[in-house]
Amino acid sequence: MASRSGPYASLRERVIGEHGVVMLIGPPDTGKTTLARLLLADALNAGRDVAFVDADVGTPTVGPPACVGLKFIRSRADLDQMGTADELRFVGSVQPQGVVLPHVVAAVDLVEVAKKEAGFIILDTTGLVSGVVGQTLKYHLMELCNPALVIAMQRGGEMEPTIGMLRRFLSARVAKVSPDGVTPLGPLERADIRTKAFEAELGGALERWQVGHDVFAPTLPEAFDESRLDGTLVGVQDKKGRCLGLGVMQWADSALYVATRHGDQMNGLRLGSLRIDLDTFSTASIRLRELMFGV
């Protein structure tokens, strides 16, 4: 095979020989998604069956925010149209705090779906890599997805505690990489990208469906005031536990509705941990326990 040239050349030569899952970890703006695209293109060019699981719920490449998305890469056209997911799983937040369990379950489930058709899978992750939440999330993703290789992207030594933990407890094979020509985004730019992604999913004319008290997960308490759900982000679910897309709860004329593009196959609604304004697409975090039980 001819030597590869361009960004991350030596790493890409190594990765193209891997089988199974390759997991990318690193802080924001270290180029995880850029590298993922290069690795996916390399594998596609090599004739591999390729899939991408995007577990960056804040600024995803595949699907809307607050979800983990799966994209099968069968052609160059798929690389150019990464935003459209083949499958989604709802997490309900754009930050891992408070949703580590559904976040891990969503990513692991889609990795298993991907394995049915693809022998080479890239798993991209959130930029939260330190502290209890960041390390716990990466630990359980590593534990349950069992990647053949972890690629840790860092500018300094910020990843060393997490790398050490994964190696010590899970015998992880880790390749450490420095960003190559990445221009960092500021917090306002990142928020603007997220806002536009929510607008793409929830903007324009949405159908409004009246829903009953018993369609939610978690289930609502018997005496719950349904008006408190107004503005809450939900995952629209089908009969097989798959997320069809996002919706927003609306309270009007003493009745509860969901505004969504995905009502035709809707079988239930999963409550998220965000409120969203459909005029500005700005979001605010909520605690479901407090919302439902006042504690």
C-alpha atoms as a PDB file:
ATOM      1  CA  MET A   1       0.000   0.000   0.000  1.00  0.00           C
ATOM      2  CA  ALA A   2       1.304   3.453  -0.872  1.00  0.00           C
ATOM      3  CA  SER A   3       2.174   5.752   1.998  1.00  0.00           C
ATOM      4  CA  ARG A   4      -0.694   7.999   2.960  1.00  0.00           C
ATOM      5  CA  SER A   5      -0.209  11.771   2.837  1.00  0.00           C
ATOM      6  CA  GLY A   6      -2.066  14.710   4.332  1.00  0.00           C
ATOM      7  CA  PRO A   7      -3.298  15.335   7.889  1.00  0.00           C
ATOM      8  CA  TYR A   8      -2.699  12.548  10.431  1.00  0.00           C
ATOM      9  CA  ALA A   9      -1.002  10.413   7.755  1.00  0.00           C
ATOM     10  CA  SER A  10       0.747   7.917  10.052  1.00  0.00           C
ATOM     11  CA  LEU A  11      -2.300   7.520  12.300  1.00  0.00           C
ATOM     12  CA  ARG A  12      -4.557   6.924   9.308  1.00  0.00           C
ATOM     13  CA  GLU A  13      -2.214   4.193   8.029  1.00  0.00           C
ATOM     14  CA  ARG A  14      -2.528   2.495  11.401  1.00  0.00           C
ATOM     15  CA  VAL A  15      -6.292   2.867  11.732  1.00  0.00           C
ATOM     16  CA  ILE A  16      -7.166   1.521   8.280  1.00  0.00           C
ATOM     17  CA  GLY A  17      -6.027  -1.910   9.437  1.00  0.00           C
ATOM     18  CA  GLU A  18      -8.295  -1.940  12.487  1.00  0.00           C
ATOM     19  CA  HIS A  19     -11.525  -3.914  12.747  1.00  0.00           C
ATOM     20  CA  GLY A  20     -14.521  -3.136  14.926  1.00  0.00           C
ATOM     21  CA  VAL A  21     -14.947   0.138  16.798  1.00  0.00           C
ATOM     22  CA  VAL A  22     -12.514   3.060  16.845  1.00  0.00           C
ATOM     23  CA  MET A  23     -13.495   5.574  19.552  1.00  0.00           C
ATOM     24  CA  LEU A  24     -12.478   9.242  19.381  1.00  0.00           C
ATOM     25  CA  ILE A  25     -12.115  11.206  22.625  1.00  0.00           C
ATOM     26  CA  GLY A  26     -10.869  14.708  23.321  1.00  0.00           C
ATOM     27  CA  PRO A  27     -11.853  18.195  24.490  1.00  0.00           C
ATOM     28  CA  PRO A  28     -13.849  20.529  22.241  1.00  0.00           C
ATOM     29  CA  ASP A  29     -12.139  21.922  19.159  1.00  0.00           C
ATOM     30  CA  THR A  30      -9.444  19.272  18.889  1.00  0.00           C
ATOM     31  CA  GLY A  31     -10.686  18.064  15.506  1.00  0.00           C
ATOM     32  CA  LYS A  32     -12.425  14.808  16.423  1.00  0.00           C
ATOM     33  CA  THR A  33     -15.110  15.184  13.769  1.00  0.00           C
ATOM     34  CA  THR A  34     -12.613  16.277  11.107  1.00  0.00           C
ATOM     35  CA  LEU A  35     -10.490  13.220  11.832  1.00  0.00           C
ATOM     36  CA  ALA A  36     -13.590  11.017  11.846  1.00  0.00           C
ATOM     37  CA  ARG A  37     -14.457  12.143   8.310  1.00  0.00           C
ATOM     38  CA  LEU A  38     -10.922  11.365   7.113  1.00  0.00           C
ATOM     39  CA  LEU A  39     -11.002   7.903   8.681  1.00  0.00           C
ATOM     40  CA  LEU A  40     -14.443   7.160   7.248  1.00  0.00           C
ATOM     41  CA  ALA A  41     -13.315   8.240   3.771  1.00  0.00           C
ATOM     42  CA  ASP A  42     -10.169   6.099   4.032  1.00  0.00           C
ATOM     43  CA  ALA A  43     -12.182   3.041   5.044  1.00  0.00           C
ATOM     44  CA  LEU A  44     -14.746   3.624   2.294  1.00  0.00           C
ATOM     45  CA  ASN A  45     -11.970   3.940  -0.300  1.00  0.00           C
ATOM     46  CA  ALA A  46     -10.494   0.677   0.979  1.00  0.00           C
ATOM     47  CA  GLY A  47     -13.771  -1.130   0.308  1.00  0.00           C
ATOM     48  CA  ARG A  48     -14.763  -1.512   3.950  1.00  0.00           C
ATOM     49  CA  ASP A  49     -18.331  -1.619   5.287  1.00  0.00           C
ATOM     50  CA  VAL A  50     -18.382   1.604   7.284  1.00  0.00           C
ATOM     51  CA  ALA A  51     -20.587   3.273   9.914  1.00  0.00           C
ATOM     52  CA  PHE A  52     -20.390   6.398  12.052  1.00  0.00           C
ATOM     53  CA  VAL A  53     -21.955   6.648  15.515  1.00  0.00           C
ATOM     54  CA  ASP A  54     -22.111  10.277  16.611  1.00  0.00           C
ATOM     55  CA  ALA A  55     -22.438  10.532  20.398  1.00  0.00           C
ATOM     56  CA  ASP A  56     -21.675  14.263  20.574  1.00  0.00           C
ATOM     57  CA  VAL A  57     -25.101  15.355  21.785  1.00  0.00           C
ATOM     58  CA  GLY A  58     -24.180  19.060  21.922  1.00  0.00           C
ATOM     59  CA  THR A  59     -22.972  19.780  18.390  1.00  0.00           C
ATOM     60  CA  PRO A  60     -23.642  16.586  16.445  1.00  0.00           C
ATOM     61  CA  THR A  61     -22.737  15.910  12.846  1.00  0.00           C
ATOM     62  CA  VAL A  62     -25.430  13.221  12.473  1.00  0.00           C
ATOM     63  CA  GLY A  63     -28.992  14.081  13.419  1.00  0.00           C
ATOM     64  CA  PRO A  64     -30.303  16.782  15.766  1.00  0.00           C
ATOM     65  CA  PRO A  65     -28.850  17.811  19.145  1.00  0.00           C
ATOM     66  CA  ALA A  66     -29.827  15.850  22.268  1.00  0.00           C
ATOM     67  CA  CYS A  67     -29.605  12.574  20.315  1.00  0.00           C
ATOM     68  CA  VAL A  68     -27.024   9.963  19.398  1.00  0.00           C
ATOM     69  CA  GLY A  69     -27.078   9.321  15.651  1.00  0.00           C
ATOM     70  CA  LEU A  70     -26.015   6.473  13.355  1.00  0.00           C
ATOM     71  CA  LYS A  71     -25.007   6.948   9.725  1.00  0.00           C
ATOM     72  CA  PHE A  72     -23.989   4.128   7.399  1.00  0.00           C
ATOM     73  CA  ILE A  73     -21.366   5.361   4.939  1.00  0.00           C
ATOM     74  CA  ARG A  74     -21.973   3.490   1.696  1.00  0.00           C
ATOM     75  CA  SER A  75     -20.818   6.141  -0.788  1.00  0.00           C
ATOM     76  CA  ARG A  76     -19.113   9.512  -1.088  1.00  0.00           C
ATOM     77  CA  ALA A  77     -22.588  11.033  -1.158  1.00  0.00           C
ATOM     78  CA  ASP A  78     -23.172   9.744   2.382  1.00  0.00           C
ATOM     79  CA  LEU A  79     -20.052  11.572   3.543  1.00  0.00           C
ATOM     80  CA  ASP A  80     -21.462  14.758   2.044  1.00  0.00           C
ATOM     81  CA  GLN A  81     -24.867  14.242   3.687  1.00  0.00           C
ATOM     82  CA  MET A  82     -23.871  13.277   7.205  1.00  0.00           C
ATOM     83  CA  GLY A  83     -26.645  15.303   8.818  1.00  0.00           C
ATOM     84  CA  THR A  84     -29.342  12.770   7.923  1.00  0.00           C
ATOM     85  CA  ALA A  85     -29.306   9.877  10.401  1.00  0.00           C
ATOM     86  CA  ASP A  86     -30.151   6.276   9.554  1.00  0.00           C
ATOM     87  CA  GLU A  87     -31.158   5.756  13.189  1.00  0.00           C
ATOM     88  CA  LEU A  88     -31.457   7.957  16.273  1.00  0.00           C
ATOM     89  CA  ARG A  89     -31.581   7.397  20.011  1.00  0.00           C
ATOM     90  CA  PHE A  90     -32.877  10.143  22.299  1.00  0.00           C
ATOM     91  CA  VAL A  91     -30.742  11.395  25.185  1.00  0.00           C
ATOM     92  CA  GLY A  92     -32.663  14.556  25.999  1.00  0.00           C
ATOM     93  CA  SER A  93     -29.859  16.954  26.826  1.00  0.00           C
ATOM     94  CA  VAL A  94     -26.963  18.705  25.100  1.00  0.00           C
ATOM     95  CA  GLN A  95     -24.672  18.118  28.100  1.00  0.00           C
ATOM     96  CA  PRO A  96     -23.785  14.742  29.658  1.00  0.00           C
ATOM     97  CA  GLN A  97     -24.433  15.944  33.216  1.00  0.00           C
ATOM     98  CA  GLY A  98     -27.479  14.154  34.584  1.00  0.00           C
ATOM     99  CA  VAL A  99     -27.935  11.903  31.542  1.00  0.00           C
ATOM    100  CA  VAL A 100     -24.889   9.624  31.625  1.00  0.00           C
ATOM    101  CA  LEU A 101     -27.022   6.453  31.699  1.00  0.00           C
ATOM    102  CA  PRO A 102     -29.275   7.261  28.697  1.00  0.00           C
ATOM    103  CA  HIS A 103     -26.250   8.670  26.872  1.00  0.00           C
ATOM    104  CA  VAL A 104     -24.252   5.456  27.290  1.00  0.00           C
ATOM    105  CA  VAL A 105     -27.259   3.246  26.501  1.00  0.00           C
ATOM    106  CA  ALA A 106     -27.961   5.217  23.312  1.00  0.00           C
ATOM    107  CA  ALA A 107     -24.377   4.998  22.070  1.00  0.00           C
ATOM    108  CA  VAL A 108     -23.971   1.312  22.906  1.00  0.00           C
ATOM    109  CA  ASP A 109     -27.289   0.427  21.270  1.00  0.00           C
ATOM    110  CA  LEU A 110     -26.363   2.160  18.009  1.00  0.00           C
ATOM    111  CA  VAL A 111     -22.898   0.603  17.987  1.00  0.00           C
ATOM    112  CA  GLU A 112     -24.606  -2.789  18.185  1.00  0.00           C
ATOM    113  CA  VAL A 113     -26.956  -1.822  15.340  1.00  0.00           C
ATOM    114  CA  ALA A 114     -23.960  -0.663  13.290  1.00  0.00           C
ATOM    115  CA  LYS A 115     -22.115  -3.952  13.841  1.00  0.00           C
ATOM    116  CA  LYS A 116     -24.855  -5.840  11.996  1.00  0.00           C
ATOM    117  CA  GLU A 117     -23.827  -4.186   8.715  1.00  0.00           C
ATOM    118  CA  ALA A 118     -20.400  -2.632   9.227  1.00  0.00           C
ATOM    119  CA  GLY A 119     -17.018  -4.049  10.138  1.00  0.00           C
ATOM    120  CA  PHE A 120     -15.453  -0.631  10.700  1.00  0.00           C
ATOM    121  CA  ILE A 121     -17.224   1.819  13.019  1.00  0.00           C
ATOM    122  CA  ILE A 122     -16.118   5.261  14.150  1.00  0.00           C
ATOM    123  CA  LEU A 123     -17.583   6.364  17.503  1.00  0.00           C
ATOM    124  CA  ASP A 124     -17.316  10.119  18.096  1.00  0.00           C
ATOM    125  CA  THR A 125     -17.909  11.441  21.621  1.00  0.00           C
ATOM    126  CA  THR A 126     -18.595  14.656  23.524  1.00  0.00           C
ATOM    127  CA  GLY A 127     -15.879  17.112  24.476  1.00  0.00           C
ATOM    128  CA  LEU A 128     -16.392  16.533  28.210  1.00  0.00           C
ATOM    129  CA  VAL A 129     -13.368  14.426  29.131  1.00  0.00           C
ATOM    130  CA  SER A 130     -12.443  15.424  32.686  1.00  0.00           C
ATOM    131  CA  GLY A 131     -14.059  15.405  36.099  1.00  0.00           C
ATOM    132  CA  VAL A 132     -16.389  12.761  37.461  1.00  0.00           C
ATOM    133  CA  VAL A 133     -19.001  13.032  34.694  1.00  0.00           C
ATOM    134  CA  GLY A 134     -16.541  13.170  31.797  1.00  0.00           C
ATOM    135  CA  GLN A 135     -14.454  10.265  33.035  1.00  0.00           C
ATOM    136  CA  THR A 136     -17.499   8.176  34.004  1.00  0.00           C
ATOM    137  CA  LEU A 137     -19.005   8.638  30.549  1.00  0.00           C
ATOM    138  CA  LYS A 138     -15.797   7.662  28.750  1.00  0.00           C
ATOM    139  CA  TYR A 139     -15.216   4.713  31.101  1.00  0.00           C
ATOM    140  CA  HIS A 140     -18.606   3.147  30.418  1.00  0.00           C
ATOM    141  CA  LEU A 141     -18.457   3.812  26.676  1.00  0.00           C
ATOM    142  CA  MET A 142     -15.096   2.048  26.607  1.00  0.00           C
ATOM    143  CA  GLU A 143     -16.355  -0.751  28.845  1.00  0.00           C
ATOM    144  CA  LEU A 144     -19.471  -1.539  26.812  1.00  0.00           C
ATOM    145  CA  CYS A 145     -18.477  -0.615  23.241  1.00  0.00           C
ATOM    146  CA  ASN A 146     -15.099  -2.382  23.606  1.00  0.00           C
ATOM    147  CA  PRO A 147     -13.273  -0.367  20.924  1.00  0.00           C
ATOM    148  CA  ALA A 148     -10.280  -1.915  19.209  1.00  0.00           C
ATOM    149  CA  LEU A 149      -8.546   1.469  19.440  1.00  0.00           C
ATOM    150  CA  VAL A 150      -9.125   4.730  21.298  1.00  0.00           C
ATOM    151  CA  ILE A 151      -7.796   7.893  19.657  1.00  0.00           C
ATOM    152  CA  ALA A 152      -7.182  10.598  22.271  1.00  0.00           C
ATOM    153  CA  MET A 153      -6.841  14.099  20.858  1.00  0.00           C
ATOM    154  CA  GLN A 154      -5.235  16.703  23.107  1.00  0.00           C
ATOM    155  CA  ARG A 155      -3.303  19.956  22.917  1.00  0.00           C
ATOM    156  CA  GLY A 156      -1.404  19.445  26.165  1.00  0.00           C
ATOM    157  CA  GLY A 157      -1.700  16.873  28.911  1.00  0.00           C
ATOM    158  CA  GLU A 158      -5.395  17.384  29.646  1.00  0.00           C
ATOM    159  CA  MET A 159      -6.283  13.853  28.553  1.00  0.00           C
ATOM    160  CA  GLU A 160      -3.644  12.023  30.591  1.00  0.00           C
ATOM    161  CA  PRO A 161      -5.863  11.227  33.637  1.00  0.00           C
ATOM    162  CA  THR A 162      -8.594   9.777  31.410  1.00  0.00           C
ATOM    163  CA  ILE A 163      -6.097   7.887  29.253  1.00  0.00           C
ATOM    164  CA  GLY A 164      -4.446   6.461  32.359  1.00  0.00           C
ATOM    165  CA  MET A 165      -7.800   5.330  33.746  1.00  0.00           C
ATOM    166  CA  LEU A 166      -8.824   3.594  30.507  1.00  0.00           C
ATOM    167  CA  ARG A 167      -5.479   1.835  30.235  1.00  0.00           C
ATOM    168  CA  ARG A 168      -5.370   0.800  33.886  1.00  0.00           C
ATOM    169  CA  PHE A 169      -8.883  -0.529  34.292  1.00  0.00           C
ATOM    170  CA  LEU A 170      -9.867  -1.596  30.768  1.00  0.00           C
ATOM    171  CA  SER A 171      -6.518  -2.330  29.060  1.00  0.00           C
ATOM    172  CA  ALA A 172      -7.369   0.206  26.371  1.00  0.00           C
ATOM    173  CA  ARG A 173      -5.169   0.587  23.304  1.00  0.00           C
ATOM    174  CA  VAL A 174      -4.785   4.349  23.036  1.00  0.00           C
ATOM    175  CA  ALA A 175      -3.206   6.444  20.288  1.00  0.00           C
ATOM    176  CA  LYS A 176      -2.471  10.025  21.388  1.00  0.00           C
ATOM    177  CA  VAL A 177      -2.711  12.724  18.717  1.00  0.00           C
ATOM    178  CA  SER A 178      -2.253  16.499  18.634  1.00  0.00           C
ATOM    179  CA  PRO A 179      -4.746  18.601  16.622  1.00  0.00           C
ATOM    180  CA  ASP A 180      -3.683  19.335  13.064  1.00  0.00           C
ATOM    181  CA  GLY A 181      -4.719  22.793  11.836  1.00  0.00           C
ATOM    182  CA  VAL A 182      -7.910  23.071  13.909  1.00  0.00           C
ATOM    183  CA  THR A 183      -9.361  26.547  14.510  1.00  0.00           C
ATOM    184  CA  PRO A 184     -11.094  26.620  17.928  1.00  0.00           C
ATOM    185  CA  LEU A 185     -14.692  27.826  18.148  1.00  0.00           C
ATOM    186  CA  GLY A 186     -15.781  30.217  20.874  1.00  0.00           C
ATOM    187  CA  PRO A 187     -18.754  29.462  23.167  1.00  0.00           C
ATOM    188  CA  LEU A 188     -21.006  31.808  21.174  1.00  0.00           C
ATOM    189  CA  GLU A 189     -20.101  30.145  17.871  1.00  0.00           C
ATOM    190  CA  ARG A 190     -20.764  26.709  19.353  1.00  0.00           C
ATOM    191  CA  ALA A 191     -24.117  27.860  20.735  1.00  0.00           C
ATOM    192  CA  ASP A 192     -25.032  29.328  17.337  1.00  0.00           C
ATOM    193  CA  ILE A 193     -24.310  26.002  15.618  1.00  0.00           C
ATOM    194  CA  ARG A 194     -26.549  24.223  18.132  1.00  0.00           C
ATOM    195  CA  THR A 195     -29.334  26.775  17.706  1.00  0.00           C
ATOM    196  CA  LYS A 196     -29.269  26.327  13.923  1.00  0.00           C
ATOM    197  CA  ALA A 197     -29.358  22.539  14.346  1.00  0.00           C
ATOM    198  CA  PHE A 198     -32.451  22.772  16.556  1.00  0.00           C
ATOM    199  CA  GLU A 199     -34.022  25.152  14.035  1.00  0.00           C
ATOM    200  CA  ALA A 200     -33.366  22.674  11.210  1.00  0.00           C
ATOM    201  CA  GLU A 201     -35.250  19.997  13.172  1.00  0.00           C
ATOM    202  CA  LEU A 202     -37.999  22.087  14.763  1.00  0.00           C
ATOM    203  CA  GLY A 203     -38.314  25.221  12.623  1.00  0.00           C
ATOM    204  CA  GLY A 204     -41.048  26.048  10.160  1.00  0.00           C
ATOM    205  CA  ALA A 205     -44.513  24.518  10.162  1.00  0.00           C
ATOM    206  CA  LEU A 206     -44.836  21.622  12.612  1.00  0.00           C
ATOM    207  CA  GLU A 207     -47.868  19.385  12.937  1.00  0.00           C
ATOM    208  CA  ARG A 208     -49.510  19.475  16.347  1.00  0.00           C
ATOM    209  CA  TRP A 209     -50.865  16.265  17.860  1.00  0.00           C
ATOM    210  CA  GLN A 210     -52.964  16.106  21.003  1.00  0.00           C
ATOM    211  CA  VAL A 211     -51.586  13.523  23.432  1.00  0.00           C
ATOM    212  CA  GLY A 212     -52.823  11.806  26.551  1.00  0.00           C
ATOM    213  CA  HIS A 213     -51.405  11.457  30.039  1.00  0.00           C
ATOM    214  CA  ASP A 214     -50.135   7.926  29.463  1.00  0.00           C
ATOM    215  CA  VAL A 215     -47.796   8.320  26.454  1.00  0.00           C
ATOM    216  CA  PHE A 216     -44.685   9.455  28.334  1.00  0.00           C
ATOM    217  CA  ALA A 217     -41.492   7.903  29.617  1.00  0.00           C
ATOM    218  CA  PRO A 218     -40.935   8.431  32.468  1.00  0.00           C
ATOM    219  CA  THR A 219     -44.645   8.116  33.255  1.00  0.00           C
ATOM    220  CA  LEU A 220     -46.374  11.140  34.759  1.00  0.00           C
ATOM    221  CA  PRO A 221     -47.704  11.118  38.334  1.00  0.00           C
ATOM    222  CA  GLU A 222     -51.492  10.815  38.562  1.00  0.00           C
ATOM    223  CA  ALA A 223     -52.092  14.358  39.809  1.00  0.00           C
ATOM    224  CA  PHE A 224     -49.445  15.964  37.609  1.00  0.00           C
ATOM    225  CA  ASP A 225     -50.231  19.403  36.187  1.00  0.00           C
ATOM    226  CA  GLU A 226     -49.673  18.814  32.459  1.00  0.00           C
ATOM    227  CA  SER A 227     -49.285  22.533  31.771  1.00  0.00           C
ATOM    228  CA  ARG A 228     -45.847  22.282  33.404  1.00  0.00           C
ATOM    229  CA  LEU A 229     -44.633  20.358  30.342  1.00  0.00           C
ATOM    230  CA  ASP A 230     -45.124  23.363  28.054  1.00  0.00           C
ATOM    231  CA  GLY A 231     -41.918  23.897  26.058  1.00  0.00           C
ATOM    232  CA  THR A 232     -40.296  20.608  27.104  1.00  0.00           C
ATOM    233  CA  LEU A 233     -38.175  18.839  24.485  1.00  0.00           C
ATOM    234  CA  VAL A 234     -39.226  15.253  23.791  1.00  0.00           C
ATOM    235  CA  GLY A 235     -38.005  12.347  21.739  1.00  0.00           C
ATOM    236  CA  VAL A 236     -40.705  10.966  19.434  1.00  0.00           C
ATOM    237  CA  GLN A 237     -40.500   7.174  19.709  1.00  0.00           C
ATOM    238  CA  ASP A 238     -41.767   4.345  17.516  1.00  0.00           C
ATOM    239  CA  LYS A 239     -42.924   0.892  18.646  1.00  0.00           C
ATOM    240  CA  LYS A 240     -39.393  -0.532  18.591  1.00  0.00           C
ATOM    241  CA  GLY A 241     -37.824   2.009  20.936  1.00  0.00           C
ATOM    242  CA  ARG A 242     -36.251   4.030  18.143  1.00  0.00           C
ATOM    243  CA  CYS A 243     -36.280   7.808  18.129  1.00  0.00           C
ATOM    244  CA  LEU A 244     -37.910   9.226  15.006  1.00  0.00           C
ATOM    245  CA  GLY A 245     -36.870  12.799  15.796  1.00  0.00           C
ATOM    246  CA  LEU A 246     -37.604  15.633  18.202  1.00  0.00           C
ATOM    247  CA  GLY A 247     -40.792  17.299  19.346  1.00  0.00           C
ATOM    248  CA  VAL A 248     -41.812  20.066  21.730  1.00  0.00           C
ATOM    249  CA  MET A 249     -44.681  19.904  24.208  1.00  0.00           C
ATOM    250  CA  GLN A 250     -47.300  22.662  24.033  1.00  0.00           C
ATOM    251  CA  TRP A 251     -50.137  23.464  26.429  1.00  0.00           C
ATOM    252  CA  ALA A 252     -53.067  25.256  24.818  1.00  0.00           C
ATOM    253  CA  ASP A 253     -56.817  25.495  25.513  1.00  0.00           C
ATOM    254  CA  SER A 254     -56.479  23.195  28.539  1.00  0.00           C
ATOM    255  CA  ALA A 255     -55.014  20.411  26.394  1.00  0.00           C
ATOM    256  CA  LEU A 256     -51.544  18.968  25.851  1.00  0.00           C
ATOM    257  CA  TYR A 257     -50.003  18.717  22.388  1.00  0.00           C
ATOM    258  CA  VAL A 258     -46.701  17.725  20.825  1.00  0.00           C
ATOM    259  CA  ALA A 259     -45.392  19.783  17.909  1.00  0.00           C
ATOM    260  CA  THR A 260     -43.278  17.616  15.616  1.00  0.00           C
ATOM    261  CA  ARG A 261     -42.580  16.448  12.073  1.00  0.00           C
ATOM    262  CA  HIS A 262     -42.672  12.806  13.149  1.00  0.00           C
ATOM    263  CA  GLY A 263     -46.218  12.174  14.335  1.00  0.00           C
ATOM    264  CA  ASP A 264     -47.299   9.589  11.758  1.00  0.00           C
ATOM    265  CA  GLN A 265     -45.358   6.720  13.362  1.00  0.00           C
ATOM    266  CA  MET A 266     -45.364   8.110  16.904  1.00  0.00           C
ATOM    267  CA  ASN A 267     -46.006   5.546  19.622  1.00  0.00           C
ATOM    268  CA  GLY A 268     -44.760   7.414  22.687  1.00  0.00           C
ATOM    269  CA  LEU A 269     -42.761  10.379  23.936  1.00  0.00           C
ATOM    270  CA  ARG A 270     -39.587  10.433  26.010  1.00  0.00           C
ATOM    271  CA  LEU A 271     -39.221  13.500  28.188  1.00  0.00           C
ATOM    272  CA  GLY A 272     -36.009  15.449  27.804  1.00  0.00           C
ATOM    273  CA  SER A 273     -34.120  17.649  30.239  1.00  0.00           C
ATOM    274  CA  LEU A 274     -34.489  20.847  28.197  1.00  0.00           C
ATOM    275  CA  ARG A 275     -37.042  23.518  27.496  1.00  0.00           C
ATOM    276  CA  ILE A 276     -36.825  25.065  24.052  1.00  0.00           C
ATOM    277  CA  ASP A 277     -38.248  28.314  22.697  1.00  0.00           C
ATOM    278  CA  LEU A 278     -39.619  27.716  19.193  1.00  0.00           C
ATOM    279  CA  ASP A 279     -39.179  31.389  18.298  1.00  0.00           C
ATOM    280  CA  THR A 280     -35.467  31.672  19.140  1.00  0.00           C
ATOM    281  CA  PHE A 281     -34.515  27.959  19.536  1.00  0.00           C
ATOM    282  CA  SER A 282     -32.697  28.864  22.736  1.00  0.00           C
ATOM    283  CA  THR A 283     -32.727  26.188  25.440  1.00  0.00           C
ATOM    284  CA  ALA A 284     -32.706  25.989  29.224  1.00  0.00           C
ATOM    285  CA  SER A 285     -31.919  22.934  31.321  1.00  0.00           C
ATOM    286  CA  ILE A 286     -34.585  21.389  33.539  1.00  0.00           C
ATOM    287  CA  ARG A 287     -34.466  18.596  36.107  1.00  0.00           C
ATOM    288  CA  LEU A 288     -37.149  16.013  35.430  1.00  0.00           C
ATOM    289  CA  ARG A 289     -37.393  15.008  39.079  1.00  0.00           C
ATOM    290  CA  GLU A 290     -38.042  18.605  40.068  1.00  0.00           C
ATOM    291  CA  LEU A 291     -40.468  19.109  37.182  1.00  0.00           C
ATOM    292  CA  MET A 292     -42.503  16.015  38.006  1.00  0.00           C
ATOM    293  CA  PHE A 293     -42.294  15.821  41.785  1.00  0.00           C
ATOM    294  CA  GLY A 294     -41.193  19.285  42.899  1.00  0.00           C
ATOM    295  CA  VAL A 295     -38.045  17.953  44.609  1.00  0.00           C
END
